[in-house]
Amino acid sequence: MTRILATPGVGYLIVTHQHIPAVSLLFAAGLTDLLDGYIARKYNMGSVVGTILDPFADKFLMTTLVVTLSVAGQMPTWLAVVILGRDFGLLLSALYWRWISLPGPRTFRRYWDFSLPSAEVHPTQLSKINTGLQLALVGLYTVDPILPTLGLNIHGLFGLEGFSYLTAGTTIYTGLSYIWVKDAVKIIKQDRGTSK
């Protein structure tokens, strides 16, 4: 939840080039989110709302960081287009799969009725790794402006630029893999007696 609340603030701080406060707020939000997740797992306090909010918070944070880092000139525009383009493509694909797999009659109301499951998306292992690479990459781009004050330089082919190309490659590959991986999307068969 802290990520959702902190994300607009982090985005604002990045766009206005307030690097240390942006990194501090991002770090604090990440730390409290880890603590929250640990407590929820340890005391078995997970909830359905949490399973929806957590991926939303991840995507909200990632999208905000990619857009604001690009707008601020801290991340190359081509890289932002690759990351956001994949997400947009996956969103369109999910909308399509939901529509074609929905048991009839297909109506707008039934489309948004998630008590009628119709398809499952199974992320590949590489897709999970790609998410980690993207998170690490936007983290590096966020801290990059303050690193020279610490005497650190992460640029070059084996630094930030190389990591950007690696992440762009896995982003494109994993986006396309949803097309050719056999079990990436599974249509859920409905019993005739269970449709509404």
N, C-alpha and C. Protein backbone atom coordinates (compact mmCIF):
# COMPACT_ATOMS: atom_id res chain seq x y z
N MET A 1 0.82 -1.20 0.00
CA MET A 1 0.00 0.00 0.00
C MET A 1 0.87 1.26 0.00
N THR A 2 2.01 1.19 0.71
CA THR A 2 2.88 2.37 0.76
C THR A 2 3.43 2.71 -0.62
N ARG A 3 3.66 1.68 -1.46
CA ARG A 3 4.14 1.96 -2.82
C ARG A 3 3.12 2.78 -3.60
N ILE A 4 1.84 2.42 -3.46
CA ILE A 4 0.79 3.15 -4.19
C ILE A 4 0.76 4.60 -3.74
N LEU A 5 0.86 4.82 -2.44
CA LEU A 5 0.81 6.19 -1.91
C LEU A 5 2.08 6.98 -2.24
N ALA A 6 3.23 6.31 -2.24
CA ALA A 6 4.50 7.00 -2.47
C ALA A 6 4.80 7.24 -3.94
N THR A 7 4.24 6.45 -4.82
CA THR A 7 4.59 6.51 -6.25
C THR A 7 4.42 7.89 -6.87
N PRO A 8 3.28 8.58 -6.69
CA PRO A 8 3.18 9.92 -7.29
C PRO A 8 4.24 10.89 -6.75
N GLY A 9 4.55 10.77 -5.48
CA GLY A 9 5.58 11.62 -4.89
C GLY A 9 6.95 11.34 -5.47
N VAL A 10 7.28 10.07 -5.63
CA VAL A 10 8.56 9.71 -6.24
C VAL A 10 8.63 10.24 -7.67
N GLY A 11 7.54 10.07 -8.41
CA GLY A 11 7.50 10.58 -9.79
C GLY A 11 7.71 12.08 -9.85
N TYR A 12 7.05 12.81 -8.97
CA TYR A 12 7.20 14.27 -8.92
C TYR A 12 8.64 14.65 -8.60
N LEU A 13 9.22 13.99 -7.62
CA LEU A 13 10.59 14.30 -7.22
C LEU A 13 11.58 14.02 -8.35
N ILE A 14 11.34 12.96 -9.12
CA ILE A 14 12.22 12.65 -10.25
C ILE A 14 12.12 13.73 -11.32
N VAL A 15 10.89 14.09 -11.69
CA VAL A 15 10.68 15.08 -12.75
C VAL A 15 11.25 16.44 -12.36
N THR A 16 11.21 16.76 -11.08
CA THR A 16 11.73 18.06 -10.62
C THR A 16 13.21 17.96 -10.19
N HIS A 17 13.85 16.84 -10.51
CA HIS A 17 15.29 16.62 -10.29
C HIS A 17 15.69 16.74 -8.82
N GLN A 18 14.81 16.31 -7.94
CA GLN A 18 15.13 16.25 -6.51
C GLN A 18 15.55 14.81 -6.22
N HIS A 19 16.79 14.49 -6.59
CA HIS A 19 17.25 13.11 -6.64
C HIS A 19 17.34 12.43 -5.28
N ILE A 20 17.92 13.09 -4.31
CA ILE A 20 18.08 12.45 -2.99
C ILE A 20 16.72 12.20 -2.33
N PRO A 21 15.79 13.17 -2.32
CA PRO A 21 14.47 12.86 -1.77
C PRO A 21 13.74 11.75 -2.56
N ALA A 22 13.92 11.71 -3.88
CA ALA A 22 13.27 10.67 -4.69
C ALA A 22 13.79 9.29 -4.30
N VAL A 23 15.10 9.17 -4.19
CA VAL A 23 15.70 7.88 -3.80
C VAL A 23 15.28 7.52 -2.38
N SER A 24 15.27 8.49 -1.49
CA SER A 24 14.90 8.23 -0.09
C SER A 24 13.46 7.74 0.01
N LEU A 25 12.54 8.41 -0.69
CA LEU A 25 11.13 8.01 -0.64
C LEU A 25 10.93 6.64 -1.27
N LEU A 26 11.60 6.39 -2.39
CA LEU A 26 11.50 5.08 -3.04
C LEU A 26 12.03 3.98 -2.13
N PHE A 27 13.16 4.24 -1.48
CA PHE A 27 13.75 3.27 -0.56
C PHE A 27 12.81 3.01 0.62
N ALA A 28 12.27 4.07 1.20
CA ALA A 28 11.36 3.92 2.35
C ALA A 28 10.11 3.14 1.96
N ALA A 29 9.55 3.45 0.79
CA ALA A 29 8.35 2.74 0.34
C ALA A 29 8.64 1.27 0.10
N GLY A 30 9.79 0.98 -0.50
CA GLY A 30 10.18 -0.41 -0.73
C GLY A 30 10.40 -1.17 0.56
N LEU A 31 11.05 -0.51 1.52
CA LEU A 31 11.33 -1.14 2.81
C LEU A 31 10.05 -1.44 3.57
N THR A 32 9.14 -0.48 3.62
CA THR A 32 7.87 -0.71 4.34
C THR A 32 7.03 -1.77 3.62
N ASP A 33 7.14 -1.82 2.29
CA ASP A 33 6.41 -2.84 1.55
C ASP A 33 6.97 -4.23 1.85
N LEU A 34 8.29 -4.36 1.93
CA LEU A 34 8.90 -5.64 2.30
C LEU A 34 8.47 -6.06 3.70
N LEU A 35 8.47 -5.11 4.62
CA LEU A 35 8.06 -5.40 5.99
C LEU A 35 6.60 -5.83 6.04
N ASP A 36 5.75 -5.12 5.31
CA ASP A 36 4.33 -5.46 5.24
C ASP A 36 4.14 -6.87 4.68
N GLY A 37 4.85 -7.19 3.61
CA GLY A 37 4.76 -8.53 3.02
C GLY A 37 5.24 -9.61 3.97
N TYR A 38 6.33 -9.33 4.68
CA TYR A 38 6.86 -10.29 5.65
C TYR A 38 5.85 -10.57 6.76
N ILE A 39 5.26 -9.51 7.30
CA ILE A 39 4.26 -9.67 8.37
C ILE A 39 3.05 -10.45 7.86
N ALA A 40 2.59 -10.13 6.65
CA ALA A 40 1.42 -10.82 6.08
C ALA A 40 1.70 -12.31 5.92
N ARG A 41 2.92 -12.66 5.46
CA ARG A 41 3.25 -14.08 5.29
C ARG A 41 3.45 -14.78 6.63
N LYS A 42 4.17 -14.12 7.54
CA LYS A 42 4.49 -14.74 8.83
C LYS A 42 3.24 -15.03 9.64
N TYR A 43 2.28 -14.11 9.63
CA TYR A 43 1.07 -14.27 10.43
C TYR A 43 -0.14 -14.68 9.60
N ASN A 44 0.14 -15.15 8.38
CA ASN A 44 -0.92 -15.64 7.48
C ASN A 44 -2.06 -14.62 7.35
N MET A 45 -1.68 -13.38 7.06
CA MET A 45 -2.65 -12.29 6.97
C MET A 45 -2.91 -11.86 5.53
N GLY A 46 -2.56 -12.72 4.57
CA GLY A 46 -2.79 -12.38 3.17
C GLY A 46 -4.27 -12.24 2.89
N SER A 47 -4.60 -11.46 1.87
CA SER A 47 -6.00 -11.26 1.53
C SER A 47 -6.17 -11.22 0.02
N VAL A 48 -7.40 -11.38 -0.42
CA VAL A 48 -7.70 -11.28 -1.85
C VAL A 48 -7.36 -9.87 -2.33
N VAL A 49 -7.68 -8.87 -1.52
CA VAL A 49 -7.37 -7.49 -1.89
C VAL A 49 -5.86 -7.33 -2.08
N GLY A 50 -5.09 -7.95 -1.20
CA GLY A 50 -3.64 -7.88 -1.31
C GLY A 50 -3.12 -8.51 -2.59
N THR A 51 -3.73 -9.61 -3.01
CA THR A 51 -3.28 -10.26 -4.24
C THR A 51 -3.60 -9.42 -5.47
N ILE A 52 -4.55 -8.52 -5.36
CA ILE A 52 -4.88 -7.61 -6.46
C ILE A 52 -4.03 -6.34 -6.36
N LEU A 53 -3.93 -5.79 -5.15
CA LEU A 53 -3.21 -4.53 -4.96
C LEU A 53 -1.71 -4.66 -5.20
N ASP A 54 -1.12 -5.80 -4.82
CA ASP A 54 0.32 -5.94 -4.95
C ASP A 54 0.79 -5.86 -6.40
N PRO A 55 0.22 -6.64 -7.33
CA PRO A 55 0.64 -6.49 -8.73
C PRO A 55 0.30 -5.11 -9.30
N PHE A 56 -0.83 -4.54 -8.87
CA PHE A 56 -1.19 -3.19 -9.32
C PHE A 56 -0.13 -2.18 -8.85
N ALA A 57 0.27 -2.30 -7.59
CA ALA A 57 1.28 -1.39 -7.04
C ALA A 57 2.60 -1.52 -7.81
N ASP A 58 2.99 -2.76 -8.12
CA ASP A 58 4.21 -2.99 -8.90
C ASP A 58 4.13 -2.29 -10.25
N LYS A 59 3.03 -2.50 -10.96
CA LYS A 59 2.89 -1.94 -12.31
C LYS A 59 2.76 -0.42 -12.26
N PHE A 60 2.04 0.10 -11.26
CA PHE A 60 1.89 1.55 -11.09
C PHE A 60 3.25 2.20 -10.84
N LEU A 61 4.03 1.60 -9.95
CA LEU A 61 5.36 2.11 -9.64
C LEU A 61 6.26 2.04 -10.87
N MET A 62 6.29 0.87 -11.52
CA MET A 62 7.17 0.69 -12.68
C MET A 62 6.82 1.67 -13.80
N THR A 63 5.54 1.79 -14.11
CA THR A 63 5.11 2.70 -15.19
C THR A 63 5.45 4.14 -14.85
N THR A 64 5.18 4.54 -13.61
CA THR A 64 5.48 5.91 -13.18
C THR A 64 6.97 6.19 -13.25
N LEU A 65 7.79 5.26 -12.77
CA LEU A 65 9.23 5.46 -12.80
C LEU A 65 9.75 5.54 -14.24
N VAL A 66 9.31 4.64 -15.10
CA VAL A 66 9.78 4.64 -16.48
C VAL A 66 9.40 5.94 -17.17
N VAL A 67 8.16 6.37 -17.01
CA VAL A 67 7.71 7.62 -17.65
C VAL A 67 8.47 8.82 -17.10
N THR A 68 8.55 8.93 -15.78
CA THR A 68 9.18 10.13 -15.20
C THR A 68 10.69 10.14 -15.42
N LEU A 69 11.34 8.98 -15.37
CA LEU A 69 12.78 8.94 -15.65
C LEU A 69 13.06 9.35 -17.09
N SER A 70 12.20 8.93 -18.00
CA SER A 70 12.36 9.31 -19.41
C SER A 70 12.10 10.80 -19.61
N VAL A 71 11.03 11.30 -19.01
CA VAL A 71 10.70 12.73 -19.12
C VAL A 71 11.82 13.59 -18.53
N ALA A 72 12.41 13.13 -17.43
CA ALA A 72 13.48 13.89 -16.77
C ALA A 72 14.81 13.76 -17.51
N GLY A 73 14.87 12.91 -18.53
CA GLY A 73 16.10 12.73 -19.29
C GLY A 73 17.10 11.80 -18.62
N GLN A 74 16.66 11.05 -17.61
CA GLN A 74 17.55 10.13 -16.91
C GLN A 74 17.56 8.75 -17.55
N MET A 75 16.54 8.40 -18.30
CA MET A 75 16.45 7.10 -18.98
C MET A 75 16.23 7.38 -20.47
N PRO A 76 16.93 6.63 -21.34
CA PRO A 76 16.72 6.84 -22.77
C PRO A 76 15.26 6.57 -23.17
N THR A 77 14.75 7.41 -24.06
CA THR A 77 13.36 7.27 -24.50
C THR A 77 13.12 5.92 -25.16
N TRP A 78 14.09 5.44 -25.96
CA TRP A 78 13.91 4.15 -26.64
C TRP A 78 13.66 3.03 -25.63
N LEU A 79 14.34 3.10 -24.49
CA LEU A 79 14.19 2.06 -23.47
C LEU A 79 12.81 2.15 -22.82
N ALA A 80 12.36 3.37 -22.56
CA ALA A 80 11.01 3.56 -22.00
C ALA A 80 9.96 3.02 -22.96
N VAL A 81 10.15 3.27 -24.26
CA VAL A 81 9.20 2.77 -25.27
C VAL A 81 9.18 1.25 -25.28
N VAL A 82 10.34 0.61 -25.17
CA VAL A 82 10.39 -0.86 -25.15
C VAL A 82 9.63 -1.41 -23.93
N ILE A 83 9.92 -0.86 -22.76
CA ILE A 83 9.29 -1.37 -21.52
C ILE A 83 7.78 -1.11 -21.54
N LEU A 84 7.39 0.12 -21.85
CA LEU A 84 5.96 0.45 -21.86
C LEU A 84 5.24 -0.21 -23.03
N GLY A 85 5.93 -0.35 -24.16
CA GLY A 85 5.33 -1.02 -25.32
C GLY A 85 5.00 -2.47 -25.03
N ARG A 86 5.90 -3.17 -24.34
CA ARG A 86 5.62 -4.56 -23.96
C ARG A 86 4.41 -4.63 -23.05
N ASP A 87 4.37 -3.76 -22.04
CA ASP A 87 3.24 -3.78 -21.11
C ASP A 87 1.93 -3.47 -21.82
N PHE A 88 1.96 -2.50 -22.74
CA PHE A 88 0.76 -2.16 -23.49
C PHE A 88 0.33 -3.33 -24.38
N GLY A 89 1.29 -3.98 -25.01
CA GLY A 89 0.99 -5.15 -25.83
C GLY A 89 0.39 -6.28 -25.01
N LEU A 90 0.94 -6.52 -23.82
CA LEU A 90 0.40 -7.57 -22.95
C LEU A 90 -1.00 -7.21 -22.47
N LEU A 91 -1.24 -5.93 -22.21
CA LEU A 91 -2.58 -5.50 -21.80
C LEU A 91 -3.59 -5.75 -22.91
N LEU A 92 -3.25 -5.36 -24.14
CA LEU A 92 -4.15 -5.61 -25.27
C LEU A 92 -4.37 -7.10 -25.47
N SER A 93 -3.31 -7.88 -25.31
CA SER A 93 -3.42 -9.33 -25.45
C SER A 93 -4.35 -9.91 -24.38
N ALA A 94 -4.21 -9.43 -23.14
CA ALA A 94 -5.07 -9.92 -22.06
C ALA A 94 -6.53 -9.58 -22.33
N LEU A 95 -6.79 -8.37 -22.83
CA LEU A 95 -8.17 -7.99 -23.16
C LEU A 95 -8.72 -8.90 -24.26
N TYR A 96 -7.89 -9.19 -25.26
CA TYR A 96 -8.30 -10.06 -26.36
C TYR A 96 -8.59 -11.47 -25.86
N TRP A 97 -7.66 -12.05 -25.08
CA TRP A 97 -7.86 -13.41 -24.58
C TRP A 97 -9.09 -13.50 -23.69
N ARG A 98 -9.32 -12.48 -22.90
CA ARG A 98 -10.52 -12.47 -22.05
C ARG A 98 -11.77 -12.52 -22.92
N TRP A 99 -11.80 -11.73 -23.97
CA TRP A 99 -12.98 -11.67 -24.84
C TRP A 99 -13.23 -12.99 -25.56
N ILE A 100 -12.18 -13.55 -26.18
CA ILE A 100 -12.42 -14.76 -26.99
C ILE A 100 -12.66 -15.99 -26.12
N SER A 101 -12.22 -15.98 -24.88
CA SER A 101 -12.39 -17.16 -24.03
C SER A 101 -13.61 -17.07 -23.12
N LEU A 102 -14.29 -15.94 -23.12
CA LEU A 102 -15.47 -15.77 -22.27
C LEU A 102 -16.61 -16.63 -22.78
N PRO A 103 -17.20 -17.46 -21.91
CA PRO A 103 -18.34 -18.26 -22.36
C PRO A 103 -19.52 -17.34 -22.70
N GLY A 104 -20.26 -17.72 -23.71
CA GLY A 104 -21.39 -16.89 -24.18
C GLY A 104 -22.52 -16.80 -23.18
N PRO A 105 -23.35 -15.82 -23.33
CA PRO A 105 -23.27 -14.75 -24.31
C PRO A 105 -22.23 -13.72 -23.88
N ARG A 106 -21.51 -13.17 -24.86
CA ARG A 106 -20.47 -12.17 -24.57
C ARG A 106 -21.12 -10.80 -24.48
N THR A 107 -21.12 -10.26 -23.28
CA THR A 107 -21.66 -8.91 -23.07
C THR A 107 -20.62 -8.10 -22.30
N PHE A 108 -20.77 -6.79 -22.32
CA PHE A 108 -19.86 -5.91 -21.60
C PHE A 108 -19.89 -6.23 -20.11
N ARG A 109 -21.07 -6.47 -19.58
CA ARG A 109 -21.21 -6.76 -18.15
C ARG A 109 -20.51 -8.08 -17.79
N ARG A 110 -20.71 -9.10 -18.62
CA ARG A 110 -20.08 -10.39 -18.34
C ARG A 110 -18.56 -10.32 -18.52
N TYR A 111 -18.12 -9.46 -19.44
CA TYR A 111 -16.68 -9.30 -19.67
C TYR A 111 -15.98 -8.86 -18.39
N TRP A 112 -16.60 -7.96 -17.63
CA TRP A 112 -16.00 -7.42 -16.41
C TRP A 112 -16.43 -8.18 -15.16
N ASP A 113 -17.16 -9.27 -15.31
CA ASP A 113 -17.56 -10.10 -14.18
C ASP A 113 -16.48 -11.16 -13.97
N PHE A 114 -15.57 -10.91 -13.03
CA PHE A 114 -14.43 -11.80 -12.84
C PHE A 114 -14.78 -13.04 -12.04
N SER A 115 -16.07 -13.21 -11.69
CA SER A 115 -16.49 -14.49 -11.13
C SER A 115 -16.64 -15.50 -12.27
N LEU A 116 -16.53 -15.03 -13.50
CA LEU A 116 -16.55 -15.90 -14.68
C LEU A 116 -15.13 -16.02 -15.23
N PRO A 117 -14.30 -16.87 -14.62
CA PRO A 117 -12.94 -17.00 -15.13
C PRO A 117 -12.96 -17.62 -16.52
N SER A 118 -12.10 -17.12 -17.40
CA SER A 118 -12.11 -17.64 -18.76
C SER A 118 -10.71 -18.00 -19.26
N ALA A 119 -9.69 -17.35 -18.74
CA ALA A 119 -8.33 -17.64 -19.18
C ALA A 119 -7.36 -17.35 -18.04
N GLU A 120 -6.28 -18.11 -18.03
CA GLU A 120 -5.21 -17.89 -17.06
C GLU A 120 -3.94 -17.58 -17.82
N VAL A 121 -3.17 -16.63 -17.33
CA VAL A 121 -1.87 -16.33 -17.91
C VAL A 121 -0.82 -16.87 -16.96
N HIS A 122 0.12 -17.63 -17.52
CA HIS A 122 1.18 -18.22 -16.71
C HIS A 122 2.51 -17.60 -17.12
N PRO A 123 3.04 -16.68 -16.30
CA PRO A 123 4.33 -16.06 -16.65
C PRO A 123 5.44 -17.12 -16.71
N THR A 124 6.33 -16.97 -17.67
CA THR A 124 7.46 -17.88 -17.77
C THR A 124 8.50 -17.49 -16.72
N GLN A 125 9.44 -18.39 -16.47
CA GLN A 125 10.51 -18.09 -15.52
C GLN A 125 11.32 -16.88 -15.99
N LEU A 126 11.59 -16.82 -17.30
CA LEU A 126 12.34 -15.69 -17.84
C LEU A 126 11.56 -14.38 -17.67
N SER A 127 10.24 -14.45 -17.76
CA SER A 127 9.42 -13.26 -17.57
C SER A 127 9.55 -12.75 -16.13
N LYS A 128 9.62 -13.67 -15.18
CA LYS A 128 9.82 -13.27 -13.78
C LYS A 128 11.20 -12.64 -13.59
N ILE A 129 12.20 -13.23 -14.24
CA ILE A 129 13.56 -12.67 -14.18
C ILE A 129 13.57 -11.28 -14.81
N ASN A 130 12.86 -11.14 -15.94
CA ASN A 130 12.79 -9.84 -16.62
C ASN A 130 12.19 -8.78 -15.71
N THR A 131 11.17 -9.13 -14.94
CA THR A 131 10.58 -8.17 -14.00
C THR A 131 11.63 -7.71 -13.00
N GLY A 132 12.41 -8.64 -12.49
CA GLY A 132 13.49 -8.28 -11.57
C GLY A 132 14.53 -7.39 -12.22
N LEU A 133 14.89 -7.70 -13.48
CA LEU A 133 15.84 -6.86 -14.21
C LEU A 133 15.30 -5.45 -14.41
N GLN A 134 14.02 -5.35 -14.76
CA GLN A 134 13.41 -4.03 -14.96
C GLN A 134 13.41 -3.22 -13.66
N LEU A 135 13.05 -3.88 -12.56
CA LEU A 135 13.04 -3.18 -11.27
C LEU A 135 14.44 -2.70 -10.89
N ALA A 136 15.44 -3.57 -11.10
CA ALA A 136 16.82 -3.18 -10.80
C ALA A 136 17.25 -2.03 -11.71
N LEU A 137 16.87 -2.10 -12.98
CA LEU A 137 17.26 -1.06 -13.94
C LEU A 137 16.68 0.30 -13.57
N VAL A 138 15.38 0.35 -13.27
CA VAL A 138 14.79 1.65 -12.92
C VAL A 138 15.36 2.14 -11.58
N GLY A 139 15.70 1.22 -10.70
CA GLY A 139 16.37 1.62 -9.46
C GLY A 139 17.72 2.25 -9.74
N LEU A 140 18.49 1.65 -10.66
CA LEU A 140 19.80 2.21 -11.02
C LEU A 140 19.66 3.58 -11.68
N TYR A 141 18.68 3.70 -12.59
CA TYR A 141 18.47 5.01 -13.23
C TYR A 141 18.02 6.06 -12.21
N THR A 142 17.30 5.63 -11.18
CA THR A 142 16.86 6.57 -10.15
C THR A 142 18.03 7.06 -9.30
N VAL A 143 18.95 6.16 -8.94
CA VAL A 143 20.09 6.56 -8.09
C VAL A 143 21.25 7.14 -8.90
N ASP A 144 21.26 6.92 -10.21
CA ASP A 144 22.39 7.34 -11.05
C ASP A 144 22.81 8.81 -10.86
N PRO A 145 21.88 9.76 -10.77
CA PRO A 145 22.32 11.16 -10.63
C PRO A 145 23.07 11.47 -9.33
N ILE A 146 22.87 10.67 -8.29
CA ILE A 146 23.56 10.97 -7.02
C ILE A 146 24.86 10.18 -6.87
N LEU A 147 25.10 9.20 -7.74
CA LEU A 147 26.30 8.37 -7.60
C LEU A 147 27.61 9.14 -7.82
N PRO A 148 27.68 10.09 -8.77
CA PRO A 148 28.94 10.84 -8.92
C PRO A 148 29.36 11.57 -7.64
N THR A 149 28.40 12.02 -6.84
CA THR A 149 28.76 12.69 -5.58
C THR A 149 29.41 11.72 -4.60
N LEU A 150 29.20 10.42 -4.84
CA LEU A 150 29.82 9.39 -4.00
C LEU A 150 31.07 8.82 -4.66
N GLY A 151 31.44 9.40 -5.82
CA GLY A 151 32.63 8.94 -6.54
C GLY A 151 32.39 7.67 -7.35
N LEU A 152 31.13 7.38 -7.66
CA LEU A 152 30.80 6.16 -8.41
C LEU A 152 30.34 6.50 -9.82
N ASN A 153 30.73 5.65 -10.77
CA ASN A 153 30.30 5.80 -12.15
C ASN A 153 29.85 4.43 -12.64
N ILE A 154 28.58 4.31 -13.02
CA ILE A 154 28.06 3.02 -13.46
C ILE A 154 27.77 3.01 -14.95
N HIS A 155 28.39 3.92 -15.70
CA HIS A 155 28.12 3.99 -17.14
C HIS A 155 29.10 3.14 -17.92
N GLY A 156 28.77 2.91 -19.18
CA GLY A 156 29.63 2.14 -20.06
C GLY A 156 28.96 0.85 -20.48
N LEU A 157 29.63 0.15 -21.41
CA LEU A 157 29.07 -1.08 -21.97
C LEU A 157 28.82 -2.13 -20.90
N PHE A 158 29.67 -2.19 -19.88
CA PHE A 158 29.49 -3.18 -18.82
C PHE A 158 28.82 -2.57 -17.59
N GLY A 159 28.23 -1.41 -17.77
CA GLY A 159 27.52 -0.74 -16.68
C GLY A 159 26.07 -0.52 -17.04
N LEU A 160 25.61 0.68 -16.82
CA LEU A 160 24.20 1.01 -17.01
C LEU A 160 23.74 0.81 -18.46
N GLU A 161 24.58 1.22 -19.42
CA GLU A 161 24.18 1.06 -20.82
C GLU A 161 24.05 -0.42 -21.18
N GLY A 162 25.04 -1.22 -20.80
CA GLY A 162 24.98 -2.65 -21.08
C GLY A 162 23.79 -3.31 -20.42
N PHE A 163 23.53 -2.92 -19.17
CA PHE A 163 22.38 -3.47 -18.45
C PHE A 163 21.07 -3.05 -19.11
N SER A 164 21.05 -1.84 -19.68
CA SER A 164 19.86 -1.37 -20.40
C SER A 164 19.59 -2.24 -21.62
N TYR A 165 20.65 -2.54 -22.39
CA TYR A 165 20.48 -3.39 -23.57
C TYR A 165 20.05 -4.81 -23.19
N LEU A 166 20.63 -5.34 -22.13
CA LEU A 166 20.25 -6.68 -21.65
C LEU A 166 18.77 -6.70 -21.27
N THR A 167 18.36 -5.71 -20.50
CA THR A 167 16.96 -5.65 -20.05
C THR A 167 16.01 -5.41 -21.21
N ALA A 168 16.41 -4.57 -22.16
CA ALA A 168 15.56 -4.36 -23.35
C ALA A 168 15.41 -5.67 -24.12
N GLY A 169 16.50 -6.41 -24.24
CA GLY A 169 16.44 -7.70 -24.95
C GLY A 169 15.51 -8.69 -24.27
N THR A 170 15.63 -8.82 -22.94
CA THR A 170 14.74 -9.76 -22.24
C THR A 170 13.30 -9.27 -22.24
N THR A 171 13.12 -7.95 -22.24
CA THR A 171 11.77 -7.39 -22.29
C THR A 171 11.09 -7.74 -23.61
N ILE A 172 11.80 -7.54 -24.71
CA ILE A 172 11.24 -7.88 -26.03
C ILE A 172 11.01 -9.38 -26.14
N TYR A 173 12.02 -10.17 -25.75
CA TYR A 173 11.91 -11.62 -25.86
C TYR A 173 10.74 -12.16 -25.04
N THR A 174 10.61 -11.71 -23.79
CA THR A 174 9.52 -12.24 -22.95
C THR A 174 8.16 -11.76 -23.43
N GLY A 175 8.09 -10.56 -23.97
CA GLY A 175 6.83 -10.10 -24.54
C GLY A 175 6.39 -10.97 -25.70
N LEU A 176 7.33 -11.29 -26.59
CA LEU A 176 7.02 -12.15 -27.73
C LEU A 176 6.77 -13.59 -27.32
N SER A 177 7.39 -14.02 -26.20
CA SER A 177 7.25 -15.42 -25.79
C SER A 177 5.81 -15.77 -25.44
N TYR A 178 5.01 -14.77 -25.07
CA TYR A 178 3.61 -15.07 -24.78
C TYR A 178 2.87 -15.50 -26.04
N ILE A 179 3.44 -15.20 -27.21
CA ILE A 179 2.83 -15.62 -28.47
C ILE A 179 3.17 -17.08 -28.76
N TRP A 180 4.43 -17.47 -28.56
CA TRP A 180 4.83 -18.80 -29.00
C TRP A 180 4.97 -19.85 -27.89
N VAL A 181 4.97 -19.46 -26.63
CA VAL A 181 5.04 -20.46 -25.56
C VAL A 181 3.67 -21.13 -25.42
N LYS A 182 3.66 -22.44 -25.54
CA LYS A 182 2.42 -23.21 -25.62
C LYS A 182 1.47 -22.98 -24.45
N ASP A 183 1.99 -22.98 -23.24
CA ASP A 183 1.12 -22.90 -22.05
C ASP A 183 1.10 -21.52 -21.41
N ALA A 184 1.51 -20.48 -22.14
CA ALA A 184 1.53 -19.13 -21.55
C ALA A 184 0.12 -18.66 -21.21
N VAL A 185 -0.84 -18.96 -22.09
CA VAL A 185 -2.25 -18.61 -21.84
C VAL A 185 -3.05 -19.89 -21.91
N LYS A 186 -3.82 -20.13 -20.87
CA LYS A 186 -4.63 -21.35 -20.81
C LYS A 186 -6.10 -20.95 -20.73
N ILE A 187 -6.88 -21.46 -21.68
CA ILE A 187 -8.33 -21.21 -21.67
C ILE A 187 -8.95 -22.13 -20.63
N ILE A 188 -9.77 -21.56 -19.75
CA ILE A 188 -10.45 -22.34 -18.72
C ILE A 188 -11.76 -22.84 -19.29
N LYS A 189 -11.91 -24.14 -19.28
CA LYS A 189 -13.15 -24.74 -19.79
C LYS A 189 -14.24 -24.60 -18.74
N GLN A 190 -15.42 -24.17 -19.19
CA GLN A 190 -16.57 -23.99 -18.30
C GLN A 190 -17.52 -25.17 -18.45
N ASP A 191 -18.05 -25.65 -17.33
CA ASP A 191 -19.13 -26.63 -17.40
C ASP A 191 -20.38 -25.91 -17.86
N ARG A 192 -21.18 -26.56 -18.65
CA ARG A 192 -22.40 -25.93 -19.16
C ARG A 192 -23.32 -25.48 -18.03
N GLY A 193 -23.33 -26.21 -16.92
CA GLY A 193 -24.23 -25.87 -15.82
C GLY A 193 -23.74 -24.73 -14.96
N THR A 194 -22.46 -24.28 -15.15
CA THR A 194 -21.93 -23.24 -14.27
C THR A 194 -21.96 -21.86 -14.89
N SER A 195 -22.30 -21.72 -16.16
CA SER A 195 -22.31 -20.38 -16.76
C SER A 195 -23.51 -19.60 -16.28
N LYS A 196 -23.32 -18.27 -16.17
CA LYS A 196 -24.39 -17.41 -15.65
C LYS A 196 -25.17 -16.80 -16.76
